[in-house]
């Protein structure tokens, strides 16, 4: 049993929504180009460093914060729907998420010796390193705004530790005072990109397992 709450979630979600609302284009830039196949930036790779908020992971039951870096290489410049302005690329990256709480609890947590099992708070922390691989499908709505979906999968390495001043061993059941886990994860994200010029823009992504806000660099 565990508990973790984060005050970062409302702030980061609010920042993402504010960015979407306040970014606006000039009348010429706002003209729709979705029906103009091929009228989008010509780039070989998109690099995107970002800050992120990680949702519920395999252990914590809460949220964490971190940083990441993704890269997308286009492999279909005008398609797969030839009559609209779209393209596809293969994406991959590395994301790090840190989780920390002083209100994690488990039976016998914080107590040695015999006696009834308690549910006392402990300090706990963990890190997730996630390696996503996905297909990014872009739809170019205007010269400034494009939206995308990213279905795929990820490999995740998760670590967990209990910071207990009494030391170990403590009766934490199967997991002990520290543990790790490595395995595949579901990955699906959607988002929007707002170009400031021909090669640089702001990208907001929302889905599982992240909310991200980052900078897109088209090379």
N, C-alpha and C. Protein backbone atom coordinates (compact mmCIF):
# COMPACT_ATOMS: atom_id res chain seq x y z
N UNK A 1 0.85 -1.19 0.00
CA UNK A 1 0.00 0.00 0.00
C UNK A 1 0.88 1.23 0.00
N UNK A 2 0.53 2.26 -0.78
CA UNK A 2 1.38 3.45 -0.88
C UNK A 2 0.54 4.67 -1.19
N UNK A 3 1.13 5.81 -1.00
CA UNK A 3 0.43 7.05 -1.26
C UNK A 3 1.43 8.09 -1.70
N UNK A 4 1.08 8.83 -2.76
CA UNK A 4 1.96 9.90 -3.23
C UNK A 4 1.13 10.94 -3.92
N UNK A 5 1.26 12.17 -3.54
CA UNK A 5 0.57 13.27 -4.21
C UNK A 5 1.59 14.29 -4.65
N UNK A 6 1.32 14.97 -5.77
CA UNK A 6 2.25 15.95 -6.31
C UNK A 6 1.53 17.26 -6.57
N UNK A 7 2.14 18.36 -6.14
CA UNK A 7 1.61 19.69 -6.43
C UNK A 7 2.09 20.19 -7.78
N UNK A 8 2.98 19.43 -8.44
CA UNK A 8 3.48 19.86 -9.74
C UNK A 8 2.45 19.67 -10.83
N UNK A 9 1.56 18.70 -10.66
CA UNK A 9 0.62 18.36 -11.73
C UNK A 9 -0.25 19.54 -12.14
N UNK A 10 -0.96 20.22 -11.21
CA UNK A 10 -1.79 21.35 -11.63
C UNK A 10 -0.97 22.46 -12.27
N UNK A 11 0.23 22.71 -11.73
CA UNK A 11 1.04 23.81 -12.26
C UNK A 11 1.50 23.53 -13.67
N UNK A 12 1.98 22.29 -13.92
CA UNK A 12 2.49 21.98 -15.25
C UNK A 12 1.36 21.87 -16.27
N UNK A 13 0.24 21.28 -15.87
CA UNK A 13 -0.90 21.23 -16.77
C UNK A 13 -1.38 22.63 -17.10
N UNK A 14 -1.43 23.51 -16.08
CA UNK A 14 -1.85 24.88 -16.30
C UNK A 14 -0.92 25.61 -17.25
N UNK A 15 0.39 25.37 -17.10
CA UNK A 15 1.35 26.02 -17.99
C UNK A 15 1.17 25.56 -19.43
N UNK A 16 0.91 24.26 -19.61
CA UNK A 16 0.71 23.74 -20.96
C UNK A 16 -0.53 24.34 -21.60
N UNK A 17 -1.62 24.42 -20.84
CA UNK A 17 -2.85 25.00 -21.37
C UNK A 17 -2.66 26.47 -21.69
N UNK A 18 -1.96 27.19 -20.81
CA UNK A 18 -1.71 28.61 -21.05
C UNK A 18 -0.91 28.81 -22.32
N UNK A 19 0.09 27.93 -22.55
CA UNK A 19 0.89 28.04 -23.77
C UNK A 19 0.02 27.83 -25.01
N UNK A 20 -0.88 26.88 -24.94
CA UNK A 20 -1.75 26.62 -26.09
C UNK A 20 -2.69 27.78 -26.35
N UNK A 21 -3.19 28.41 -25.29
CA UNK A 21 -4.17 29.47 -25.44
C UNK A 21 -3.53 30.77 -25.90
N UNK A 22 -2.36 31.09 -25.33
CA UNK A 22 -1.77 32.41 -25.59
C UNK A 22 -0.99 32.50 -26.90
N UNK A 23 -0.52 31.35 -27.43
CA UNK A 23 0.20 31.39 -28.70
C UNK A 23 -0.79 31.66 -29.83
N UNK A 24 -0.57 32.69 -30.59
CA UNK A 24 -1.46 33.01 -31.71
C UNK A 24 -0.63 33.39 -32.92
N UNK A 25 -1.21 33.25 -34.07
CA UNK A 25 -0.51 33.54 -35.32
C UNK A 25 -1.12 34.76 -35.99
N UNK A 26 -0.35 35.36 -36.90
CA UNK A 26 -0.87 36.45 -37.69
C UNK A 26 -1.90 35.91 -38.67
N UNK A 27 -2.76 36.76 -39.27
CA UNK A 27 -3.77 36.26 -40.20
C UNK A 27 -3.21 35.42 -41.33
N UNK A 28 -2.05 35.82 -41.89
CA UNK A 28 -1.47 35.05 -42.99
C UNK A 28 -0.99 33.69 -42.51
N UNK A 29 -0.40 33.65 -41.29
CA UNK A 29 0.10 32.39 -40.76
C UNK A 29 -1.04 31.46 -40.37
N UNK A 30 -2.22 32.04 -40.05
CA UNK A 30 -3.34 31.23 -39.58
C UNK A 30 -4.11 30.57 -40.71
N UNK A 31 -3.77 30.88 -41.94
CA UNK A 31 -4.46 30.28 -43.08
C UNK A 31 -4.26 28.77 -43.08
N UNK A 32 -5.33 28.04 -43.28
CA UNK A 32 -5.25 26.59 -43.25
C UNK A 32 -4.47 26.02 -44.41
N UNK A 33 -3.60 25.04 -44.12
CA UNK A 33 -2.82 24.39 -45.17
C UNK A 33 -3.03 22.88 -45.14
N UNK A 34 -3.98 22.38 -44.37
CA UNK A 34 -4.18 20.94 -44.24
C UNK A 34 -4.52 20.31 -45.58
N UNK A 35 -5.14 21.08 -46.50
CA UNK A 35 -5.51 20.55 -47.82
C UNK A 35 -4.43 20.77 -48.87
N UNK A 36 -3.25 21.21 -48.43
CA UNK A 36 -2.14 21.47 -49.35
C UNK A 36 -1.01 20.46 -49.10
N UNK A 37 -1.08 19.28 -49.67
CA UNK A 37 -0.06 18.26 -49.42
C UNK A 37 1.34 18.77 -49.72
N UNK A 38 2.27 18.48 -48.82
CA UNK A 38 3.67 18.85 -49.01
C UNK A 38 4.03 20.23 -48.53
N UNK A 39 3.07 21.07 -48.14
CA UNK A 39 3.38 22.43 -47.70
C UNK A 39 3.68 22.44 -46.20
N UNK A 40 4.83 21.89 -45.87
CA UNK A 40 5.29 21.85 -44.49
C UNK A 40 6.81 21.86 -44.48
N UNK A 41 7.44 22.12 -43.34
CA UNK A 41 8.91 22.18 -43.30
C UNK A 41 9.54 20.90 -43.80
N UNK A 42 10.63 21.06 -44.53
CA UNK A 42 11.41 19.93 -45.04
C UNK A 42 12.58 19.72 -44.09
N UNK A 43 12.57 18.65 -43.32
CA UNK A 43 13.60 18.42 -42.31
C UNK A 43 14.01 16.96 -42.32
N UNK A 44 15.25 16.70 -41.90
CA UNK A 44 15.79 15.34 -41.85
C UNK A 44 15.61 14.69 -40.49
N UNK A 45 15.59 15.52 -39.45
CA UNK A 45 15.39 15.01 -38.09
C UNK A 45 14.82 16.13 -37.23
N UNK A 46 13.96 15.77 -36.30
CA UNK A 46 13.45 16.70 -35.30
C UNK A 46 14.01 16.30 -33.94
N UNK A 47 14.68 17.24 -33.28
CA UNK A 47 15.18 17.02 -31.92
C UNK A 47 14.28 17.77 -30.95
N UNK A 48 13.96 17.14 -29.84
CA UNK A 48 13.04 17.76 -28.89
C UNK A 48 13.44 17.49 -27.43
N UNK A 49 14.23 18.39 -26.84
CA UNK A 49 14.45 18.32 -25.39
C UNK A 49 13.21 18.84 -24.67
N UNK A 50 12.86 18.25 -23.53
CA UNK A 50 11.64 18.66 -22.85
C UNK A 50 11.70 18.40 -21.35
N UNK A 51 10.86 19.13 -20.63
CA UNK A 51 10.55 18.82 -19.24
C UNK A 51 9.28 17.98 -19.24
N UNK A 52 9.12 17.15 -18.21
CA UNK A 52 7.98 16.24 -18.23
C UNK A 52 7.41 15.99 -16.85
N UNK A 53 6.17 15.58 -16.88
CA UNK A 53 5.45 15.11 -15.70
C UNK A 53 5.03 13.68 -15.97
N UNK A 54 5.51 12.75 -15.13
CA UNK A 54 5.18 11.35 -15.33
C UNK A 54 3.95 10.96 -14.54
N UNK A 55 3.01 10.27 -15.20
CA UNK A 55 1.80 9.83 -14.52
C UNK A 55 2.10 8.61 -13.67
N UNK A 56 1.04 8.01 -13.15
CA UNK A 56 1.09 6.79 -12.35
C UNK A 56 2.00 5.75 -12.99
N UNK A 57 3.05 5.33 -12.27
CA UNK A 57 3.92 4.30 -12.81
C UNK A 57 3.68 2.97 -12.09
N UNK A 58 4.51 2.00 -12.34
CA UNK A 58 4.27 0.63 -11.88
C UNK A 58 4.21 0.51 -10.37
N UNK A 59 4.80 1.45 -9.63
CA UNK A 59 4.89 1.30 -8.18
C UNK A 59 4.24 2.44 -7.41
N UNK A 60 4.45 3.66 -7.85
CA UNK A 60 4.18 4.81 -6.99
C UNK A 60 2.72 5.12 -6.80
N UNK A 61 1.92 4.93 -7.81
CA UNK A 61 0.53 5.34 -7.69
C UNK A 61 0.38 6.85 -7.69
N UNK A 62 1.33 7.58 -8.26
CA UNK A 62 1.29 9.03 -8.26
C UNK A 62 2.10 9.61 -9.39
N UNK A 63 2.55 10.84 -9.25
CA UNK A 63 3.24 11.55 -10.32
C UNK A 63 4.67 11.90 -9.94
N UNK A 64 5.49 12.11 -10.94
CA UNK A 64 6.86 12.52 -10.74
C UNK A 64 7.25 13.53 -11.81
N UNK A 65 8.46 14.05 -11.72
CA UNK A 65 8.93 15.07 -12.65
C UNK A 65 10.28 14.67 -13.21
N UNK A 66 10.63 15.23 -14.37
CA UNK A 66 11.91 14.87 -14.95
C UNK A 66 12.19 15.58 -16.25
N UNK A 67 13.13 15.03 -17.01
CA UNK A 67 13.59 15.59 -18.27
C UNK A 67 13.69 14.48 -19.31
N UNK A 68 13.67 14.88 -20.57
CA UNK A 68 13.80 13.88 -21.62
C UNK A 68 14.31 14.49 -22.91
N UNK A 69 14.64 13.61 -23.83
CA UNK A 69 15.11 14.00 -25.15
C UNK A 69 14.57 13.01 -26.16
N UNK A 70 13.85 13.50 -27.18
CA UNK A 70 13.33 12.65 -28.24
C UNK A 70 13.90 13.10 -29.58
N UNK A 71 13.93 12.16 -30.51
CA UNK A 71 14.32 12.46 -31.89
C UNK A 71 13.36 11.73 -32.81
N UNK A 72 12.96 12.41 -33.89
CA UNK A 72 12.05 11.82 -34.87
C UNK A 72 12.67 11.98 -36.25
N UNK A 73 12.75 10.87 -36.99
CA UNK A 73 13.30 10.88 -38.35
C UNK A 73 12.16 10.59 -39.33
N UNK A 74 11.80 11.56 -40.19
CA UNK A 74 10.72 11.32 -41.15
C UNK A 74 11.09 10.21 -42.14
N UNK A 75 10.14 9.32 -42.41
CA UNK A 75 10.35 8.30 -43.42
C UNK A 75 9.29 8.36 -44.52
N UNK A 76 8.25 9.17 -44.32
CA UNK A 76 7.21 9.34 -45.34
C UNK A 76 6.87 10.82 -45.36
N UNK A 77 7.38 11.53 -46.36
CA UNK A 77 7.31 12.99 -46.36
C UNK A 77 5.92 13.52 -46.68
N UNK A 78 5.18 12.84 -47.49
CA UNK A 78 3.84 13.30 -47.85
C UNK A 78 2.89 12.11 -47.85
N UNK A 79 2.40 11.80 -46.69
CA UNK A 79 1.54 10.63 -46.56
C UNK A 79 1.50 10.18 -45.12
N UNK A 80 0.74 9.12 -44.84
CA UNK A 80 0.19 8.14 -45.78
C UNK A 80 -1.11 8.55 -46.49
N UNK A 81 -1.72 9.66 -46.11
CA UNK A 81 -2.91 10.14 -46.81
C UNK A 81 -2.46 11.22 -47.78
N UNK A 82 -2.45 10.90 -49.06
CA UNK A 82 -1.80 11.77 -50.04
C UNK A 82 -2.56 13.07 -50.32
N UNK A 83 -3.84 13.15 -49.94
CA UNK A 83 -4.64 14.33 -50.27
C UNK A 83 -4.64 15.40 -49.18
N UNK A 84 -3.97 15.13 -48.05
CA UNK A 84 -3.88 16.15 -47.00
C UNK A 84 -2.41 16.36 -46.65
N UNK A 85 -2.15 17.41 -45.88
CA UNK A 85 -0.80 17.82 -45.53
C UNK A 85 -0.35 17.06 -44.28
N UNK A 86 0.34 15.95 -44.49
CA UNK A 86 0.75 15.10 -43.36
C UNK A 86 2.06 14.40 -43.67
N UNK A 87 2.74 13.93 -42.66
CA UNK A 87 3.91 13.08 -42.83
C UNK A 87 4.04 12.13 -41.65
N UNK A 88 4.96 11.18 -41.76
CA UNK A 88 5.20 10.20 -40.71
C UNK A 88 6.69 10.09 -40.44
N UNK A 89 7.02 9.82 -39.17
CA UNK A 89 8.41 9.60 -38.81
C UNK A 89 8.52 8.55 -37.72
N UNK A 90 9.72 7.99 -37.58
CA UNK A 90 10.01 7.04 -36.51
C UNK A 90 10.69 7.81 -35.39
N UNK A 91 10.17 7.66 -34.16
CA UNK A 91 10.69 8.41 -33.02
C UNK A 91 11.26 7.50 -31.95
N UNK A 92 12.23 8.00 -31.23
CA UNK A 92 12.82 7.27 -30.11
C UNK A 92 13.41 8.30 -29.16
N UNK A 93 13.71 7.87 -27.94
CA UNK A 93 14.24 8.83 -26.99
C UNK A 93 14.59 8.21 -25.66
N UNK A 94 14.94 9.07 -24.72
CA UNK A 94 15.22 8.70 -23.34
C UNK A 94 14.54 9.70 -22.44
N UNK A 95 13.77 9.20 -21.46
CA UNK A 95 13.08 10.05 -20.49
C UNK A 95 13.42 9.59 -19.08
N UNK A 96 13.69 10.55 -18.22
CA UNK A 96 13.99 10.27 -16.81
C UNK A 96 12.91 10.92 -15.95
N UNK A 97 12.35 10.15 -15.02
CA UNK A 97 11.33 10.64 -14.11
C UNK A 97 11.76 10.35 -12.68
N UNK A 98 11.69 11.34 -11.81
CA UNK A 98 12.04 11.18 -10.40
C UNK A 98 10.78 11.25 -9.55
N UNK A 99 10.66 10.29 -8.64
CA UNK A 99 9.53 10.24 -7.71
C UNK A 99 10.06 10.34 -6.30
N UNK A 100 9.37 11.11 -5.45
CA UNK A 100 9.81 11.25 -4.06
C UNK A 100 8.62 11.62 -3.19
N UNK A 101 8.58 11.04 -1.99
CA UNK A 101 7.49 11.33 -1.07
C UNK A 101 7.91 11.04 0.37
N UNK A 102 7.34 11.75 1.32
CA UNK A 102 7.53 11.46 2.73
C UNK A 102 6.27 10.83 3.34
N UNK A 103 5.35 10.41 2.48
CA UNK A 103 4.09 9.85 2.99
C UNK A 103 3.79 8.48 2.37
N UNK A 104 4.86 7.78 1.97
CA UNK A 104 4.67 6.41 1.51
C UNK A 104 4.46 5.51 2.72
N UNK A 105 3.59 4.54 2.61
CA UNK A 105 3.36 3.68 3.77
C UNK A 105 3.18 2.23 3.38
N UNK A 106 3.53 1.36 4.35
CA UNK A 106 3.44 -0.08 4.15
C UNK A 106 3.37 -0.74 5.52
N UNK A 107 2.88 -1.93 5.58
CA UNK A 107 2.80 -2.63 6.86
C UNK A 107 4.15 -2.73 7.54
N UNK A 108 4.20 -2.40 8.84
CA UNK A 108 5.42 -2.43 9.65
C UNK A 108 6.44 -1.39 9.23
N UNK A 109 6.05 -0.45 8.42
CA UNK A 109 6.98 0.58 7.95
C UNK A 109 7.41 1.45 9.13
N UNK A 110 8.71 1.56 9.32
CA UNK A 110 9.23 2.42 10.37
C UNK A 110 9.28 1.79 11.74
N UNK A 111 9.15 0.45 11.84
CA UNK A 111 9.14 -0.17 13.16
C UNK A 111 9.84 -1.52 13.12
N UNK A 112 10.73 -1.76 14.11
CA UNK A 112 11.36 -3.06 14.27
C UNK A 112 10.61 -3.87 15.33
N UNK A 113 10.92 -5.15 15.40
CA UNK A 113 10.46 -5.98 16.51
C UNK A 113 9.05 -6.49 16.32
N UNK A 114 8.59 -7.28 17.27
CA UNK A 114 7.27 -7.87 17.18
C UNK A 114 6.18 -6.84 17.43
N UNK A 115 4.97 -7.22 17.15
CA UNK A 115 3.85 -6.33 17.36
C UNK A 115 2.95 -6.32 16.16
N UNK A 116 1.76 -5.75 16.28
CA UNK A 116 0.84 -5.72 15.16
C UNK A 116 1.39 -4.88 14.01
N UNK A 117 1.04 -5.26 12.82
CA UNK A 117 1.49 -4.52 11.63
C UNK A 117 0.88 -3.14 11.64
N UNK A 118 1.70 -2.11 11.41
CA UNK A 118 1.22 -0.73 11.36
C UNK A 118 1.28 -0.18 9.96
N UNK A 119 0.77 1.03 9.80
CA UNK A 119 0.82 1.72 8.52
C UNK A 119 1.40 3.11 8.77
N UNK A 120 2.71 3.16 8.95
CA UNK A 120 3.38 4.40 9.31
C UNK A 120 4.13 4.97 8.12
N UNK A 121 4.19 6.30 8.04
CA UNK A 121 4.80 6.97 6.90
C UNK A 121 6.30 6.77 6.86
N UNK A 122 6.84 6.61 5.67
CA UNK A 122 8.28 6.51 5.42
C UNK A 122 8.67 7.47 4.31
N UNK A 123 9.94 7.86 4.30
CA UNK A 123 10.48 8.59 3.16
C UNK A 123 10.85 7.57 2.08
N UNK A 124 10.48 7.86 0.85
CA UNK A 124 10.77 6.94 -0.24
C UNK A 124 11.05 7.75 -1.50
N UNK A 125 11.85 7.17 -2.38
CA UNK A 125 12.16 7.83 -3.64
C UNK A 125 12.48 6.78 -4.69
N UNK A 126 12.36 7.19 -5.94
CA UNK A 126 12.64 6.28 -7.03
C UNK A 126 12.89 7.04 -8.32
N UNK A 127 13.38 6.32 -9.31
CA UNK A 127 13.66 6.90 -10.61
C UNK A 127 13.21 5.92 -11.70
N UNK A 128 12.68 6.46 -12.77
CA UNK A 128 12.32 5.67 -13.94
C UNK A 128 13.10 6.18 -15.14
N UNK A 129 13.70 5.26 -15.87
CA UNK A 129 14.38 5.57 -17.12
C UNK A 129 13.61 4.84 -18.22
N UNK A 130 13.03 5.61 -19.14
CA UNK A 130 12.11 5.06 -20.12
C UNK A 130 12.63 5.34 -21.52
N UNK A 131 12.62 4.30 -22.35
CA UNK A 131 13.16 4.37 -23.71
C UNK A 131 12.01 4.10 -24.69
N UNK A 132 11.32 5.15 -25.16
CA UNK A 132 10.19 4.94 -26.07
C UNK A 132 10.64 4.78 -27.52
N UNK A 133 9.86 4.00 -28.27
CA UNK A 133 10.00 3.87 -29.72
C UNK A 133 8.58 3.97 -30.28
N UNK A 134 8.36 4.86 -31.25
CA UNK A 134 6.99 5.12 -31.69
C UNK A 134 6.99 5.64 -33.13
N UNK A 135 5.81 5.64 -33.70
CA UNK A 135 5.57 6.27 -35.00
C UNK A 135 4.86 7.60 -34.74
N UNK A 136 5.39 8.68 -35.27
CA UNK A 136 4.78 10.00 -35.13
C UNK A 136 4.08 10.36 -36.45
N UNK A 137 2.77 10.59 -36.35
CA UNK A 137 1.97 10.98 -37.53
C UNK A 137 1.58 12.44 -37.36
N UNK A 138 2.12 13.31 -38.21
CA UNK A 138 1.90 14.75 -38.14
C UNK A 138 0.83 15.21 -39.13
N UNK A 139 0.01 16.17 -38.68
CA UNK A 139 -0.97 16.83 -39.54
C UNK A 139 -0.72 18.33 -39.45
N UNK A 140 -0.38 18.96 -40.58
CA UNK A 140 0.00 20.37 -40.59
C UNK A 140 -1.23 21.21 -40.89
N UNK A 141 -1.73 21.90 -39.86
CA UNK A 141 -2.98 22.65 -39.97
C UNK A 141 -2.77 24.03 -40.55
N UNK A 142 -1.74 24.74 -40.06
CA UNK A 142 -1.38 26.06 -40.56
C UNK A 142 0.14 26.13 -40.67
N UNK A 143 0.67 27.27 -41.07
CA UNK A 143 2.12 27.44 -41.12
C UNK A 143 2.74 27.37 -39.72
N UNK A 144 1.94 27.62 -38.69
CA UNK A 144 2.43 27.64 -37.32
C UNK A 144 2.07 26.37 -36.56
N UNK A 145 0.86 25.88 -36.72
CA UNK A 145 0.32 24.83 -35.86
C UNK A 145 0.25 23.49 -36.59
N UNK A 146 0.79 22.47 -35.95
CA UNK A 146 0.62 21.09 -36.41
C UNK A 146 0.28 20.22 -35.20
N UNK A 147 -0.44 19.14 -35.44
CA UNK A 147 -0.79 18.21 -34.37
C UNK A 147 -0.30 16.82 -34.77
N UNK A 148 -0.17 15.94 -33.77
CA UNK A 148 0.39 14.61 -34.05
C UNK A 148 -0.11 13.59 -33.04
N UNK A 149 -0.04 12.33 -33.46
CA UNK A 149 -0.26 11.19 -32.59
C UNK A 149 0.97 10.32 -32.60
N UNK A 150 1.24 9.64 -31.48
CA UNK A 150 2.46 8.84 -31.34
C UNK A 150 2.15 7.48 -30.70
N UNK A 151 1.67 6.50 -31.44
CA UNK A 151 1.51 5.15 -30.88
C UNK A 151 2.85 4.40 -30.89
N UNK A 152 3.08 3.60 -29.89
CA UNK A 152 4.32 2.83 -29.84
C UNK A 152 4.43 2.02 -28.57
N UNK A 153 5.66 1.73 -28.17
CA UNK A 153 5.92 1.01 -26.93
C UNK A 153 7.19 1.59 -26.32
N UNK A 154 7.49 1.18 -25.09
CA UNK A 154 8.68 1.67 -24.41
C UNK A 154 9.23 0.57 -23.53
N UNK A 155 10.53 0.66 -23.25
CA UNK A 155 11.17 -0.16 -22.24
C UNK A 155 11.45 0.72 -21.04
N UNK A 156 11.10 0.25 -19.85
CA UNK A 156 11.27 1.06 -18.65
C UNK A 156 12.12 0.35 -17.61
N UNK A 157 13.06 1.09 -17.01
CA UNK A 157 13.84 0.60 -15.87
C UNK A 157 13.47 1.47 -14.67
N UNK A 158 12.88 0.86 -13.65
CA UNK A 158 12.35 1.59 -12.50
C UNK A 158 13.08 1.15 -11.23
N UNK A 159 13.48 2.11 -10.41
CA UNK A 159 14.11 1.80 -9.13
C UNK A 159 13.31 2.41 -8.00
N UNK A 160 13.41 1.79 -6.83
CA UNK A 160 12.65 2.23 -5.66
C UNK A 160 13.49 2.00 -4.41
N UNK A 161 13.53 3.00 -3.52
CA UNK A 161 14.27 2.87 -2.27
C UNK A 161 13.50 3.54 -1.13
N UNK A 162 13.65 2.97 0.06
CA UNK A 162 13.06 3.54 1.26
C UNK A 162 14.17 4.15 2.11
N UNK A 163 14.05 5.41 2.43
CA UNK A 163 15.03 6.11 3.25
C UNK A 163 14.57 6.03 4.70
N UNK A 164 15.00 4.97 5.38
CA UNK A 164 14.57 4.75 6.76
C UNK A 164 15.77 4.82 7.69
N UNK A 165 15.81 5.78 8.63
CA UNK A 165 17.01 5.96 9.46
C UNK A 165 17.34 4.76 10.33
N UNK A 166 16.38 3.88 10.61
CA UNK A 166 16.66 2.69 11.42
C UNK A 166 17.42 1.63 10.67
N UNK A 167 17.54 1.78 9.36
CA UNK A 167 18.26 0.81 8.56
C UNK A 167 17.40 -0.38 8.20
N UNK A 168 18.01 -1.37 7.56
CA UNK A 168 17.34 -2.59 7.13
C UNK A 168 17.97 -3.78 7.85
N UNK A 169 17.32 -4.92 7.94
CA UNK A 169 16.05 -5.23 7.27
C UNK A 169 14.84 -4.75 8.05
N UNK A 170 13.80 -4.41 7.31
CA UNK A 170 12.50 -4.07 7.86
C UNK A 170 11.49 -4.91 7.10
N UNK A 171 10.38 -5.22 7.70
CA UNK A 171 9.39 -6.07 7.05
C UNK A 171 8.62 -5.29 6.00
N UNK A 172 9.20 -5.19 4.79
CA UNK A 172 8.52 -4.54 3.68
C UNK A 172 8.01 -5.57 2.68
N UNK A 173 7.83 -6.79 3.16
CA UNK A 173 7.29 -7.81 2.28
C UNK A 173 8.28 -8.19 1.20
N UNK A 174 7.75 -8.48 0.01
CA UNK A 174 8.56 -9.02 -1.07
C UNK A 174 9.62 -8.03 -1.54
N UNK A 175 9.33 -6.74 -1.51
CA UNK A 175 10.19 -5.76 -2.16
C UNK A 175 11.41 -5.37 -1.35
N UNK A 176 11.38 -5.52 -0.03
CA UNK A 176 12.50 -5.11 0.79
C UNK A 176 12.64 -3.60 0.82
N UNK A 177 13.84 -3.11 1.20
CA UNK A 177 14.05 -1.68 1.33
C UNK A 177 14.40 -1.02 0.00
N UNK A 178 14.73 -1.79 -0.99
CA UNK A 178 14.96 -1.24 -2.33
C UNK A 178 14.63 -2.32 -3.35
N UNK A 179 14.29 -1.90 -4.53
CA UNK A 179 13.95 -2.85 -5.58
C UNK A 179 14.10 -2.18 -6.93
N UNK A 180 14.05 -2.98 -7.98
CA UNK A 180 14.10 -2.45 -9.34
C UNK A 180 13.27 -3.35 -10.24
N UNK A 181 12.89 -2.80 -11.36
CA UNK A 181 12.06 -3.54 -12.30
C UNK A 181 12.39 -3.05 -13.71
N UNK A 182 12.48 -3.99 -14.66
CA UNK A 182 12.73 -3.64 -16.05
C UNK A 182 11.76 -4.42 -16.92
N UNK A 183 11.11 -3.72 -17.87
CA UNK A 183 10.19 -4.42 -18.72
C UNK A 183 9.52 -3.50 -19.72
N UNK A 184 8.70 -4.04 -20.62
CA UNK A 184 8.01 -3.24 -21.63
C UNK A 184 6.86 -2.44 -21.03
N UNK A 185 6.51 -1.34 -21.70
CA UNK A 185 5.43 -0.46 -21.26
C UNK A 185 4.59 -0.05 -22.47
N UNK A 186 3.33 0.23 -22.21
CA UNK A 186 2.47 0.84 -23.22
C UNK A 186 2.87 2.29 -23.40
N UNK A 187 2.83 2.79 -24.64
CA UNK A 187 3.16 4.19 -24.93
C UNK A 187 2.19 4.72 -25.97
N UNK A 188 1.51 5.80 -25.63
CA UNK A 188 0.71 6.52 -26.62
C UNK A 188 0.62 7.98 -26.20
N UNK A 189 1.01 8.88 -27.09
CA UNK A 189 0.99 10.31 -26.82
C UNK A 189 0.35 11.05 -27.99
N UNK A 190 -0.21 12.21 -27.70
CA UNK A 190 -0.69 13.12 -28.72
C UNK A 190 -0.32 14.53 -28.33
N UNK A 191 -0.18 15.41 -29.32
CA UNK A 191 0.24 16.75 -28.96
C UNK A 191 0.13 17.74 -30.10
N UNK A 192 0.70 18.91 -29.85
CA UNK A 192 0.68 20.00 -30.83
C UNK A 192 2.04 20.68 -30.85
N UNK A 193 2.39 21.20 -32.01
CA UNK A 193 3.66 21.89 -32.23
C UNK A 193 3.35 23.30 -32.74
N UNK A 194 4.00 24.30 -32.16
CA UNK A 194 3.81 25.70 -32.54
C UNK A 194 5.15 26.27 -33.00
N UNK A 195 5.31 26.52 -34.28
CA UNK A 195 6.57 26.99 -34.82
C UNK A 195 6.72 28.50 -34.64
N UNK A 196 7.88 28.90 -34.12
CA UNK A 196 8.21 30.32 -34.01
C UNK A 196 8.85 30.84 -35.29
N UNK A 197 9.40 29.95 -36.06
CA UNK A 197 10.06 30.29 -37.33
C UNK A 197 10.06 29.04 -38.19
N UNK A 198 11.04 28.94 -39.08
CA UNK A 198 11.10 27.78 -39.96
C UNK A 198 11.60 26.52 -39.26
N UNK A 199 12.39 26.68 -38.18
CA UNK A 199 13.07 25.52 -37.62
C UNK A 199 12.92 25.34 -36.11
N UNK A 200 12.29 26.27 -35.41
CA UNK A 200 12.22 26.18 -33.94
C UNK A 200 10.78 26.39 -33.50
N UNK A 201 10.35 25.63 -32.51
CA UNK A 201 8.98 25.78 -32.02
C UNK A 201 8.81 25.19 -30.63
N UNK A 202 7.60 25.32 -30.11
CA UNK A 202 7.20 24.77 -28.82
C UNK A 202 6.33 23.54 -29.07
N UNK A 203 6.62 22.47 -28.34
CA UNK A 203 5.82 21.25 -28.46
C UNK A 203 5.23 20.88 -27.12
N UNK A 204 3.93 20.60 -27.11
CA UNK A 204 3.23 20.13 -25.92
C UNK A 204 2.67 18.75 -26.24
N UNK A 205 2.91 17.79 -25.34
CA UNK A 205 2.52 16.40 -25.56
C UNK A 205 1.76 15.90 -24.33
N UNK A 206 0.67 15.19 -24.56
CA UNK A 206 -0.13 14.66 -23.45
C UNK A 206 -0.59 13.25 -23.79
N UNK A 207 -0.43 12.32 -22.86
CA UNK A 207 -0.85 10.94 -23.07
C UNK A 207 -0.33 10.07 -21.96
N UNK A 208 0.08 8.85 -22.32
CA UNK A 208 0.66 7.94 -21.33
C UNK A 208 2.00 7.45 -21.85
N UNK A 209 3.07 7.58 -21.04
CA UNK A 209 3.05 7.88 -19.61
C UNK A 209 3.40 9.32 -19.22
N UNK A 210 3.34 10.31 -20.12
CA UNK A 210 3.86 11.63 -19.81
C UNK A 210 2.93 12.77 -20.20
N UNK A 211 3.16 13.91 -19.56
CA UNK A 211 2.87 15.23 -20.10
C UNK A 211 4.22 15.89 -20.29
N UNK A 212 4.50 16.42 -21.49
CA UNK A 212 5.79 17.06 -21.75
C UNK A 212 5.57 18.46 -22.34
N UNK A 213 6.50 19.34 -22.05
CA UNK A 213 6.58 20.66 -22.68
C UNK A 213 8.02 20.86 -23.11
N UNK A 214 8.26 21.04 -24.41
CA UNK A 214 9.62 21.10 -24.87
C UNK A 214 9.81 21.99 -26.08
N UNK A 215 11.02 21.99 -26.59
CA UNK A 215 11.41 22.80 -27.75
C UNK A 215 11.68 21.87 -28.92
N UNK A 216 11.03 22.13 -30.05
CA UNK A 216 11.27 21.37 -31.27
C UNK A 216 12.30 22.09 -32.12
N UNK A 217 13.30 21.34 -32.56
CA UNK A 217 14.35 21.87 -33.43
C UNK A 217 14.38 21.00 -34.69
N UNK A 218 14.03 21.61 -35.82
CA UNK A 218 13.98 20.89 -37.09
C UNK A 218 15.29 21.10 -37.84
N UNK A 219 15.97 20.00 -38.18
CA UNK A 219 17.26 20.08 -38.84
C UNK A 219 17.20 19.43 -40.21
